[in-house]
């Protein structure tokens, strides 16, 4: 059996949210339940516009060095925007939001026995201390493997010593895309994408029992009134891989948009009423596939 793989994700960064009001503050801001974050459990969540459209997605874990602080694994290129937007709503809350990227590297751990190597059950969000940081089974899907937030200067050595083989981004992208899981703003349009078109409900990114959060009313209306007309889904690509944002067409009419891709696999946002015809994007033919976890 092949060794599990590890990849330092340069596209991800870490923020630290701390202070006596950090949990109630974030609870009113993000789509998932912050109270579920413990030393043994991490979550995946989103921050939305008041109109319920995507701004940021991230993972939230307990800081192993400070039980009153939370670590936020977010998109590196957009971390300053996330920090700024959250800070706008702090008002008198006793909360600090600081860059912790010099302290931590983010790694994806995947392949055969990734969770077992970390001594974790194959349960989404299961978390443990690891190599001076933390590791957790991906809260979206256990099939994605695990993630780790590790001291930056020791991350690669720690992963190697634990038995993980070095991987390429294409390896991880192919796994993620085959499973139909979005990757932040590569797959969701900022200030335009509703969460539920992109699998956040089934992928454990929304808690419907936690109470109000930014954009909650319109997100709930989309769910309970069955207003979802498009879905992000894996597509097999026959031909040259289309660039992101390439229109997807059926009989010459736009029915969707291409998102990220890896080799001959990709993700595309496609109208559900257009799945029974021939789909094309640029010079390629697309064959969509419903992920096993999806409900539509």
C-alpha atoms as a PDB file:
ATOM      1  CA  UNK A   1       0.000   0.000   0.000  1.00  0.00           C
ATOM      2  CA  UNK A   2       1.349   3.447  -0.953  1.00  0.00           C
ATOM      3  CA  UNK A   3       2.490   5.795   1.799  1.00  0.00           C
ATOM      4  CA  UNK A   4       0.107   8.622   2.666  1.00  0.00           C
ATOM      5  CA  UNK A   5       1.021  11.946   1.051  1.00  0.00           C
ATOM      6  CA  UNK A   6       1.579  15.455   2.378  1.00  0.00           C
ATOM      7  CA  UNK A   7       1.532  18.805   0.647  1.00  0.00           C
ATOM      8  CA  UNK A   8       2.337  22.202   2.177  1.00  0.00           C
ATOM      9  CA  UNK A   9      -0.427  24.455   0.883  1.00  0.00           C
ATOM     10  CA  UNK A  10       1.188  27.765  -0.024  1.00  0.00           C
ATOM     11  CA  UNK A  11      -2.250  28.980  -1.080  1.00  0.00           C
ATOM     12  CA  UNK A  12      -3.442  28.861   2.538  1.00  0.00           C
ATOM     13  CA  UNK A  13      -2.617  31.054   5.529  1.00  0.00           C
ATOM     14  CA  UNK A  14      -3.490  31.222   9.228  1.00  0.00           C
ATOM     15  CA  UNK A  15      -5.180  33.930  11.285  1.00  0.00           C
ATOM     16  CA  UNK A  16      -5.549  33.830  15.074  1.00  0.00           C
ATOM     17  CA  UNK A  17      -8.776  35.121  16.619  1.00  0.00           C
ATOM     18  CA  UNK A  18      -8.483  35.558  20.373  1.00  0.00           C
ATOM     19  CA  UNK A  19     -10.036  37.288  23.353  1.00  0.00           C
ATOM     20  CA  UNK A  20     -12.839  36.672  25.864  1.00  0.00           C
ATOM     21  CA  UNK A  21     -15.535  37.509  23.283  1.00  0.00           C
ATOM     22  CA  UNK A  22     -14.097  35.549  20.369  1.00  0.00           C
ATOM     23  CA  UNK A  23     -16.691  32.774  20.294  1.00  0.00           C
ATOM     24  CA  UNK A  24     -19.844  34.907  20.594  1.00  0.00           C
ATOM     25  CA  UNK A  25     -18.352  37.352  18.085  1.00  0.00           C
ATOM     26  CA  UNK A  26     -17.628  34.699  15.432  1.00  0.00           C
ATOM     27  CA  UNK A  27     -20.884  32.886  16.185  1.00  0.00           C
ATOM     28  CA  UNK A  28     -22.822  35.841  14.810  1.00  0.00           C
ATOM     29  CA  UNK A  29     -20.578  36.172  11.765  1.00  0.00           C
ATOM     30  CA  UNK A  30     -19.975  32.742  10.231  1.00  0.00           C
ATOM     31  CA  UNK A  31     -22.129  29.934   8.857  1.00  0.00           C
ATOM     32  CA  UNK A  32     -21.079  27.119  11.196  1.00  0.00           C
ATOM     33  CA  UNK A  33     -21.309  26.624  14.962  1.00  0.00           C
ATOM     34  CA  UNK A  34     -18.187  27.927  16.705  1.00  0.00           C
ATOM     35  CA  UNK A  35     -19.220  26.185  19.920  1.00  0.00           C
ATOM     36  CA  UNK A  36     -18.452  22.861  18.226  1.00  0.00           C
ATOM     37  CA  UNK A  37     -14.746  23.774  18.008  1.00  0.00           C
ATOM     38  CA  UNK A  38     -12.835  21.891  20.705  1.00  0.00           C
ATOM     39  CA  UNK A  39      -9.444  20.271  21.178  1.00  0.00           C
ATOM     40  CA  UNK A  40     -10.945  17.195  19.481  1.00  0.00           C
ATOM     41  CA  UNK A  41     -13.056  18.824  16.754  1.00  0.00           C
ATOM     42  CA  UNK A  42     -12.565  21.396  13.967  1.00  0.00           C
ATOM     43  CA  UNK A  43     -15.083  22.883  11.532  1.00  0.00           C
ATOM     44  CA  UNK A  44     -15.350  24.298   8.011  1.00  0.00           C
ATOM     45  CA  UNK A  45     -17.317  27.499   7.607  1.00  0.00           C
ATOM     46  CA  UNK A  46     -17.975  30.584   5.493  1.00  0.00           C
ATOM     47  CA  UNK A  47     -18.321  34.337   5.916  1.00  0.00           C
ATOM     48  CA  UNK A  48     -21.040  35.884   3.739  1.00  0.00           C
ATOM     49  CA  UNK A  49     -22.341  39.234   2.624  1.00  0.00           C
ATOM     50  CA  UNK A  50     -25.575  40.395   4.297  1.00  0.00           C
ATOM     51  CA  UNK A  51     -27.265  39.218   1.070  1.00  0.00           C
ATOM     52  CA  UNK A  52     -26.040  35.660   1.657  1.00  0.00           C
ATOM     53  CA  UNK A  53     -23.313  35.593  -0.993  1.00  0.00           C
ATOM     54  CA  UNK A  54     -19.853  34.065  -0.565  1.00  0.00           C
ATOM     55  CA  UNK A  55     -16.964  36.160   0.721  1.00  0.00           C
ATOM     56  CA  UNK A  56     -14.584  33.671   2.384  1.00  0.00           C
ATOM     57  CA  UNK A  57     -14.360  29.996   3.379  1.00  0.00           C
ATOM     58  CA  UNK A  58     -12.069  28.691   6.109  1.00  0.00           C
ATOM     59  CA  UNK A  59     -11.404  26.013   8.721  1.00  0.00           C
ATOM     60  CA  UNK A  60     -11.592  26.848  12.423  1.00  0.00           C
ATOM     61  CA  UNK A  61      -9.600  24.967  15.079  1.00  0.00           C
ATOM     62  CA  UNK A  62      -8.633  25.489  18.695  1.00  0.00           C
ATOM     63  CA  UNK A  63      -5.161  26.995  19.134  1.00  0.00           C
ATOM     64  CA  UNK A  64      -3.085  24.245  20.799  1.00  0.00           C
ATOM     65  CA  UNK A  65      -1.130  26.894  22.714  1.00  0.00           C
ATOM     66  CA  UNK A  66      -4.085  28.993  23.913  1.00  0.00           C
ATOM     67  CA  UNK A  67      -7.501  27.542  24.753  1.00  0.00           C
ATOM     68  CA  UNK A  68      -9.038  31.022  24.449  1.00  0.00           C
ATOM     69  CA  UNK A  69      -7.876  31.437  20.841  1.00  0.00           C
ATOM     70  CA  UNK A  70      -9.022  30.005  17.529  1.00  0.00           C
ATOM     71  CA  UNK A  71      -6.921  29.371  14.425  1.00  0.00           C
ATOM     72  CA  UNK A  72      -8.471  30.166  11.036  1.00  0.00           C
ATOM     73  CA  UNK A  73      -7.063  28.343   7.989  1.00  0.00           C
ATOM     74  CA  UNK A  74      -8.002  30.633   5.072  1.00  0.00           C
ATOM     75  CA  UNK A  75      -6.917  31.632   1.559  1.00  0.00           C
ATOM     76  CA  UNK A  76      -3.456  33.196   1.705  1.00  0.00           C
ATOM     77  CA  UNK A  77      -4.021  35.776  -1.050  1.00  0.00           C
ATOM     78  CA  UNK A  78      -7.215  36.967   0.627  1.00  0.00           C
ATOM     79  CA  UNK A  79      -6.381  36.755   4.314  1.00  0.00           C
ATOM     80  CA  UNK A  80      -5.958  40.522   4.703  1.00  0.00           C
ATOM     81  CA  UNK A  81      -9.440  41.020   3.267  1.00  0.00           C
ATOM     82  CA  UNK A  82     -10.921  38.468   5.695  1.00  0.00           C
ATOM     83  CA  UNK A  83      -9.141  40.087   8.633  1.00  0.00           C
ATOM     84  CA  UNK A  84     -10.328  43.547   7.571  1.00  0.00           C
ATOM     85  CA  UNK A  85     -13.937  42.500   7.060  1.00  0.00           C
ATOM     86  CA  UNK A  86     -14.156  40.700  10.407  1.00  0.00           C
ATOM     87  CA  UNK A  87     -12.536  43.661  12.147  1.00  0.00           C
ATOM     88  CA  UNK A  88     -15.239  45.992  10.810  1.00  0.00           C
ATOM     89  CA  UNK A  89     -17.783  44.200  13.002  1.00  0.00           C
ATOM     90  CA  UNK A  90     -15.767  43.975  16.235  1.00  0.00           C
ATOM     91  CA  UNK A  91     -17.166  47.206  17.668  1.00  0.00           C
ATOM     92  CA  UNK A  92     -16.671  46.854  21.450  1.00  0.00           C
ATOM     93  CA  UNK A  93     -16.123  43.107  21.412  1.00  0.00           C
ATOM     94  CA  UNK A  94     -12.957  42.044  23.211  1.00  0.00           C
ATOM     95  CA  UNK A  95     -11.452  40.266  20.216  1.00  0.00           C
ATOM     96  CA  UNK A  96      -8.136  40.465  18.373  1.00  0.00           C
ATOM     97  CA  UNK A  97      -7.629  39.106  14.875  1.00  0.00           C
ATOM     98  CA  UNK A  98      -3.951  38.738  14.027  1.00  0.00           C
ATOM     99  CA  UNK A  99      -1.860  37.192  11.291  1.00  0.00           C
ATOM    100  CA  UNK A 100      -0.336  33.892  12.470  1.00  0.00           C
ATOM    101  CA  UNK A 101       1.117  32.901   9.125  1.00  0.00           C
ATOM    102  CA  UNK A 102       4.716  33.310  10.258  1.00  0.00           C
ATOM    103  CA  UNK A 103       4.030  30.727  12.956  1.00  0.00           C
ATOM    104  CA  UNK A 104       2.103  28.055  11.030  1.00  0.00           C
ATOM    105  CA  UNK A 105       2.160  26.227   7.725  1.00  0.00           C
ATOM    106  CA  UNK A 106      -0.992  24.545   6.446  1.00  0.00           C
ATOM    107  CA  UNK A 107      -0.662  21.040   4.998  1.00  0.00           C
ATOM    108  CA  UNK A 108      -3.009  18.655   3.218  1.00  0.00           C
ATOM    109  CA  UNK A 109      -2.509  15.011   4.214  1.00  0.00           C
ATOM    110  CA  UNK A 110      -4.162  12.440   1.995  1.00  0.00           C
ATOM    111  CA  UNK A 111      -4.005   8.981   0.514  1.00  0.00           C
ATOM    112  CA  UNK A 112      -4.112   5.544   2.071  1.00  0.00           C
ATOM    113  CA  UNK A 113      -3.995   5.579   5.869  1.00  0.00           C
ATOM    114  CA  UNK A 114      -3.590   9.370   6.293  1.00  0.00           C
ATOM    115  CA  UNK A 115      -5.993   9.470   9.250  1.00  0.00           C
ATOM    116  CA  UNK A 116      -4.627   6.232  10.693  1.00  0.00           C
ATOM    117  CA  UNK A 117      -1.079   7.609  10.576  1.00  0.00           C
ATOM    118  CA  UNK A 118      -2.311  10.545  12.680  1.00  0.00           C
ATOM    119  CA  UNK A 119      -4.150   8.155  15.044  1.00  0.00           C
ATOM    120  CA  UNK A 120      -7.431   9.818  14.118  1.00  0.00           C
ATOM    121  CA  UNK A 121     -10.801   8.172  13.438  1.00  0.00           C
ATOM    122  CA  UNK A 122     -12.076   8.688   9.887  1.00  0.00           C
ATOM    123  CA  UNK A 123     -14.705  11.177  11.090  1.00  0.00           C
ATOM    124  CA  UNK A 124     -14.979  14.666   9.560  1.00  0.00           C
ATOM    125  CA  UNK A 125     -13.496  17.249  11.918  1.00  0.00           C
ATOM    126  CA  UNK A 126     -11.805  14.807  14.320  1.00  0.00           C
ATOM    127  CA  UNK A 127      -8.774  16.671  15.716  1.00  0.00           C
ATOM    128  CA  UNK A 128      -5.587  15.843  17.616  1.00  0.00           C
ATOM    129  CA  UNK A 129      -2.324  17.432  18.685  1.00  0.00           C
ATOM    130  CA  UNK A 130       0.434  16.690  16.175  1.00  0.00           C
ATOM    131  CA  UNK A 131       4.097  17.711  15.898  1.00  0.00           C
ATOM    132  CA  UNK A 132       3.717  20.895  17.944  1.00  0.00           C
ATOM    133  CA  UNK A 133       0.551  21.887  16.109  1.00  0.00           C
ATOM    134  CA  UNK A 134      -2.716  20.175  15.257  1.00  0.00           C
ATOM    135  CA  UNK A 135      -4.086  17.789  12.654  1.00  0.00           C
ATOM    136  CA  UNK A 136      -7.710  17.129  11.812  1.00  0.00           C
ATOM    137  CA  UNK A 137      -9.725  14.988   9.424  1.00  0.00           C
ATOM    138  CA  UNK A 138     -11.098  17.260   6.721  1.00  0.00           C
ATOM    139  CA  UNK A 139     -14.460  18.491   8.098  1.00  0.00           C
ATOM    140  CA  UNK A 140     -15.962  18.440   4.599  1.00  0.00           C
ATOM    141  CA  UNK A 141     -15.308  14.809   3.682  1.00  0.00           C
ATOM    142  CA  UNK A 142     -13.195  12.158   5.364  1.00  0.00           C
ATOM    143  CA  UNK A 143     -12.268  10.930   1.858  1.00  0.00           C
ATOM    144  CA  UNK A 144     -10.236  14.133   1.397  1.00  0.00           C
ATOM    145  CA  UNK A 145      -7.846  13.009   4.125  1.00  0.00           C
ATOM    146  CA  UNK A 146      -6.689  15.440   6.783  1.00  0.00           C
ATOM    147  CA  UNK A 147      -5.202  18.882   7.278  1.00  0.00           C
ATOM    148  CA  UNK A 148      -2.483  20.043   9.644  1.00  0.00           C
ATOM    149  CA  UNK A 149      -1.409  23.394  11.068  1.00  0.00           C
ATOM    150  CA  UNK A 150       2.242  22.966  12.001  1.00  0.00           C
ATOM    151  CA  UNK A 151       5.104  25.173  13.236  1.00  0.00           C
ATOM    152  CA  UNK A 152       6.408  26.652   9.998  1.00  0.00           C
ATOM    153  CA  UNK A 153      10.119  25.927  10.442  1.00  0.00           C
ATOM    154  CA  UNK A 154       9.548  22.271  11.340  1.00  0.00           C
ATOM    155  CA  UNK A 155       6.553  21.363   9.184  1.00  0.00           C
ATOM    156  CA  UNK A 156       8.264  19.496   6.340  1.00  0.00           C
ATOM    157  CA  UNK A 157      10.525  17.515   8.654  1.00  0.00           C
ATOM    158  CA  UNK A 158       7.622  16.614  10.941  1.00  0.00           C
ATOM    159  CA  UNK A 159       5.555  15.301   8.046  1.00  0.00           C
ATOM    160  CA  UNK A 160       8.484  13.315   6.665  1.00  0.00           C
ATOM    161  CA  UNK A 161       9.270  11.824  10.067  1.00  0.00           C
ATOM    162  CA  UNK A 162       5.629  10.806  10.487  1.00  0.00           C
ATOM    163  CA  UNK A 163       5.797   8.773   7.281  1.00  0.00           C
ATOM    164  CA  UNK A 164       4.166  11.102   4.751  1.00  0.00           C
ATOM    165  CA  UNK A 165       5.596  11.229   1.231  1.00  0.00           C
ATOM    166  CA  UNK A 166       5.881  14.592  -0.530  1.00  0.00           C
ATOM    167  CA  UNK A 167       3.054  15.288  -2.985  1.00  0.00           C
ATOM    168  CA  UNK A 168       2.412  17.722  -5.814  1.00  0.00           C
ATOM    169  CA  UNK A 169      -0.476  20.170  -5.949  1.00  0.00           C
ATOM    170  CA  UNK A 170      -1.859  18.312  -8.977  1.00  0.00           C
ATOM    171  CA  UNK A 171      -2.195  15.158  -6.832  1.00  0.00           C
ATOM    172  CA  UNK A 172      -4.333  16.900  -4.257  1.00  0.00           C
ATOM    173  CA  UNK A 173      -6.308  18.924  -6.804  1.00  0.00           C
ATOM    174  CA  UNK A 174      -7.256  15.768  -8.685  1.00  0.00           C
ATOM    175  CA  UNK A 175      -8.529  14.140  -5.480  1.00  0.00           C
ATOM    176  CA  UNK A 176     -10.501  17.244  -4.478  1.00  0.00           C
ATOM    177  CA  UNK A 177     -12.008  17.724  -7.928  1.00  0.00           C
ATOM    178  CA  UNK A 178     -12.926  14.042  -8.321  1.00  0.00           C
ATOM    179  CA  UNK A 179     -14.806  14.333  -5.021  1.00  0.00           C
ATOM    180  CA  UNK A 180     -16.559  17.514  -6.179  1.00  0.00           C
ATOM    181  CA  UNK A 181     -15.270  19.767  -3.393  1.00  0.00           C
ATOM    182  CA  UNK A 182     -14.731  23.508  -4.025  1.00  0.00           C
ATOM    183  CA  UNK A 183     -11.524  25.381  -3.222  1.00  0.00           C
ATOM    184  CA  UNK A 184     -12.435  28.881  -2.072  1.00  0.00           C
ATOM    185  CA  UNK A 185     -12.453  31.655  -4.633  1.00  0.00           C
ATOM    186  CA  UNK A 186     -11.028  29.331  -7.290  1.00  0.00           C
ATOM    187  CA  UNK A 187     -14.487  27.792  -7.489  1.00  0.00           C
ATOM    188  CA  UNK A 188     -16.857  30.327  -5.905  1.00  0.00           C
ATOM    189  CA  UNK A 189     -17.387  33.865  -7.188  1.00  0.00           C
ATOM    190  CA  UNK A 190     -16.774  36.426  -4.457  1.00  0.00           C
ATOM    191  CA  UNK A 191     -19.914  38.418  -3.613  1.00  0.00           C
ATOM    192  CA  UNK A 192     -21.951  36.380  -6.116  1.00  0.00           C
ATOM    193  CA  UNK A 193     -22.056  32.674  -5.186  1.00  0.00           C
ATOM    194  CA  UNK A 194     -24.723  31.292  -2.822  1.00  0.00           C
ATOM    195  CA  UNK A 195     -23.329  28.630  -0.487  1.00  0.00           C
ATOM    196  CA  UNK A 196     -25.879  25.977  -1.297  1.00  0.00           C
ATOM    197  CA  UNK A 197     -25.064  25.892  -5.017  1.00  0.00           C
ATOM    198  CA  UNK A 198     -21.581  24.807  -3.986  1.00  0.00           C
ATOM    199  CA  UNK A 199     -22.277  21.979  -1.563  1.00  0.00           C
ATOM    200  CA  UNK A 200     -21.787  23.769   1.759  1.00  0.00           C
ATOM    201  CA  UNK A 201     -24.860  22.126   3.255  1.00  0.00           C
ATOM    202  CA  UNK A 202     -23.892  18.520   2.513  1.00  0.00           C
ATOM    203  CA  UNK A 203     -20.199  19.244   3.201  1.00  0.00           C
ATOM    204  CA  UNK A 204     -20.939  20.319   6.784  1.00  0.00           C
ATOM    205  CA  UNK A 205     -20.248  24.020   6.236  1.00  0.00           C
ATOM    206  CA  UNK A 206     -23.590  25.332   7.545  1.00  0.00           C
ATOM    207  CA  UNK A 207     -25.236  24.733  10.912  1.00  0.00           C
ATOM    208  CA  UNK A 208     -29.005  25.252  10.711  1.00  0.00           C
ATOM    209  CA  UNK A 209     -29.559  25.112  14.482  1.00  0.00           C
ATOM    210  CA  UNK A 210     -27.003  27.665  15.721  1.00  0.00           C
ATOM    211  CA  UNK A 211     -29.132  30.780  15.216  1.00  0.00           C
ATOM    212  CA  UNK A 212     -28.502  33.870  13.133  1.00  0.00           C
ATOM    213  CA  UNK A 213     -25.321  34.645  11.243  1.00  0.00           C
ATOM    214  CA  UNK A 214     -24.424  37.104   8.508  1.00  0.00           C
ATOM    215  CA  UNK A 215     -26.443  36.174   5.411  1.00  0.00           C
ATOM    216  CA  UNK A 216     -28.385  33.459   7.275  1.00  0.00           C
ATOM    217  CA  UNK A 217     -31.881  34.595   6.290  1.00  0.00           C
ATOM    218  CA  UNK A 218     -31.306  34.398   2.544  1.00  0.00           C
ATOM    219  CA  UNK A 219     -29.267  31.177   2.853  1.00  0.00           C
ATOM    220  CA  UNK A 220     -32.133  29.524   4.748  1.00  0.00           C
ATOM    221  CA  UNK A 221     -34.698  30.837   2.257  1.00  0.00           C
ATOM    222  CA  UNK A 222     -32.711  29.264  -0.582  1.00  0.00           C
ATOM    223  CA  UNK A 223     -32.788  25.918   1.221  1.00  0.00           C
ATOM    224  CA  UNK A 224     -36.375  25.775   2.402  1.00  0.00           C
ATOM    225  CA  UNK A 225     -37.949  27.216  -0.730  1.00  0.00           C
ATOM    226  CA  UNK A 226     -35.929  24.908  -3.004  1.00  0.00           C
ATOM    227  CA  UNK A 227     -34.463  27.815  -4.948  1.00  0.00           C
ATOM    228  CA  UNK A 228     -31.259  26.032  -5.994  1.00  0.00           C
ATOM    229  CA  UNK A 229     -31.157  25.934  -9.799  1.00  0.00           C
ATOM    230  CA  UNK A 230     -27.428  25.320 -10.338  1.00  0.00           C
ATOM    231  CA  UNK A 231     -24.850  23.097  -8.697  1.00  0.00           C
ATOM    232  CA  UNK A 232     -21.076  22.846  -8.707  1.00  0.00           C
ATOM    233  CA  UNK A 233     -20.171  19.337  -9.867  1.00  0.00           C
ATOM    234  CA  UNK A 234     -17.264  17.271 -11.214  1.00  0.00           C
ATOM    235  CA  UNK A 235     -16.939  17.024 -14.970  1.00  0.00           C
ATOM    236  CA  UNK A 236     -14.835  14.751 -17.159  1.00  0.00           C
ATOM    237  CA  UNK A 237     -13.112  16.842 -19.836  1.00  0.00           C
ATOM    238  CA  UNK A 238     -12.788  15.469 -23.360  1.00  0.00           C
ATOM    239  CA  UNK A 239     -10.432  17.913 -25.052  1.00  0.00           C
ATOM    240  CA  UNK A 240      -8.243  20.800 -23.849  1.00  0.00           C
ATOM    241  CA  UNK A 241      -9.052  21.827 -20.283  1.00  0.00           C
ATOM    242  CA  UNK A 242     -11.100  25.063 -20.381  1.00  0.00           C
ATOM    243  CA  UNK A 243      -9.873  28.089 -18.469  1.00  0.00           C
ATOM    244  CA  UNK A 244     -11.826  29.109 -15.355  1.00  0.00           C
ATOM    245  CA  UNK A 245     -14.895  31.231 -16.188  1.00  0.00           C
ATOM    246  CA  UNK A 246     -15.241  29.652 -19.640  1.00  0.00           C
ATOM    247  CA  UNK A 247     -18.989  29.439 -20.372  1.00  0.00           C
ATOM    248  CA  UNK A 248     -20.545  25.972 -20.388  1.00  0.00           C
ATOM    249  CA  UNK A 249     -23.053  25.617 -23.213  1.00  0.00           C
ATOM    250  CA  UNK A 250     -25.763  23.233 -24.365  1.00  0.00           C
ATOM    251  CA  UNK A 251     -27.031  23.634 -27.912  1.00  0.00           C
ATOM    252  CA  UNK A 252     -25.167  26.940 -28.081  1.00  0.00           C
ATOM    253  CA  UNK A 253     -26.854  28.418 -25.007  1.00  0.00           C
ATOM    254  CA  UNK A 254     -25.029  29.281 -21.782  1.00  0.00           C
ATOM    255  CA  UNK A 255     -25.982  26.869 -18.987  1.00  0.00           C
ATOM    256  CA  UNK A 256     -23.045  27.236 -16.605  1.00  0.00           C
ATOM    257  CA  UNK A 257     -19.446  28.209 -15.985  1.00  0.00           C
ATOM    258  CA  UNK A 258     -16.176  26.285 -15.774  1.00  0.00           C
ATOM    259  CA  UNK A 259     -14.240  26.486 -12.507  1.00  0.00           C
ATOM    260  CA  UNK A 260     -10.956  24.821 -11.487  1.00  0.00           C
ATOM    261  CA  UNK A 261      -9.500  21.806 -13.265  1.00  0.00           C
ATOM    262  CA  UNK A 262      -6.675  19.260 -13.057  1.00  0.00           C
ATOM    263  CA  UNK A 263      -5.731  17.370 -16.216  1.00  0.00           C
ATOM    264  CA  UNK A 264      -8.952  15.904 -17.670  1.00  0.00           C
ATOM    265  CA  UNK A 265     -11.102  16.538 -14.589  1.00  0.00           C
ATOM    266  CA  UNK A 266     -12.715  19.756 -13.496  1.00  0.00           C
ATOM    267  CA  UNK A 267     -15.481  21.450 -11.592  1.00  0.00           C
ATOM    268  CA  UNK A 268     -18.242  23.371 -13.291  1.00  0.00           C
ATOM    269  CA  UNK A 269     -21.310  25.241 -12.071  1.00  0.00           C
ATOM    270  CA  UNK A 270     -24.149  23.905 -14.237  1.00  0.00           C
ATOM    271  CA  UNK A 271     -27.900  24.423 -14.380  1.00  0.00           C
ATOM    272  CA  UNK A 272     -29.652  21.315 -13.099  1.00  0.00           C
ATOM    273  CA  UNK A 273     -32.163  21.373 -15.959  1.00  0.00           C
ATOM    274  CA  UNK A 274     -29.323  21.184 -18.522  1.00  0.00           C
ATOM    275  CA  UNK A 275     -27.651  17.947 -17.454  1.00  0.00           C
ATOM    276  CA  UNK A 276     -29.331  15.698 -19.997  1.00  0.00           C
ATOM    277  CA  UNK A 277     -27.798  17.292 -23.110  1.00  0.00           C
ATOM    278  CA  UNK A 278     -24.329  17.577 -24.639  1.00  0.00           C
ATOM    279  CA  UNK A 279     -22.288  20.114 -22.702  1.00  0.00           C
ATOM    280  CA  UNK A 280     -19.297  21.976 -24.071  1.00  0.00           C
ATOM    281  CA  UNK A 281     -16.791  24.502 -22.728  1.00  0.00           C
ATOM    282  CA  UNK A 282     -14.443  26.035 -25.254  1.00  0.00           C
ATOM    283  CA  UNK A 283     -13.199  23.193 -27.457  1.00  0.00           C
ATOM    284  CA  UNK A 284     -13.926  20.497 -24.871  1.00  0.00           C
ATOM    285  CA  UNK A 285     -16.887  18.232 -24.269  1.00  0.00           C
ATOM    286  CA  UNK A 286     -17.940  17.906 -20.622  1.00  0.00           C
ATOM    287  CA  UNK A 287     -19.510  14.898 -18.924  1.00  0.00           C
ATOM    288  CA  UNK A 288     -20.944  15.917 -15.523  1.00  0.00           C
ATOM    289  CA  UNK A 289     -21.168  13.544 -12.579  1.00  0.00           C
ATOM    290  CA  UNK A 290     -23.117  13.830  -9.329  1.00  0.00           C
ATOM    291  CA  UNK A 291     -20.849  13.329  -6.284  1.00  0.00           C
ATOM    292  CA  UNK A 292     -21.845  10.506  -3.944  1.00  0.00           C
ATOM    293  CA  UNK A 293     -22.354  12.959  -1.059  1.00  0.00           C
ATOM    294  CA  UNK A 294     -24.565  15.426  -2.955  1.00  0.00           C
ATOM    295  CA  UNK A 295     -28.346  15.730  -2.554  1.00  0.00           C
ATOM    296  CA  UNK A 296     -29.942  17.102  -5.724  1.00  0.00           C
END
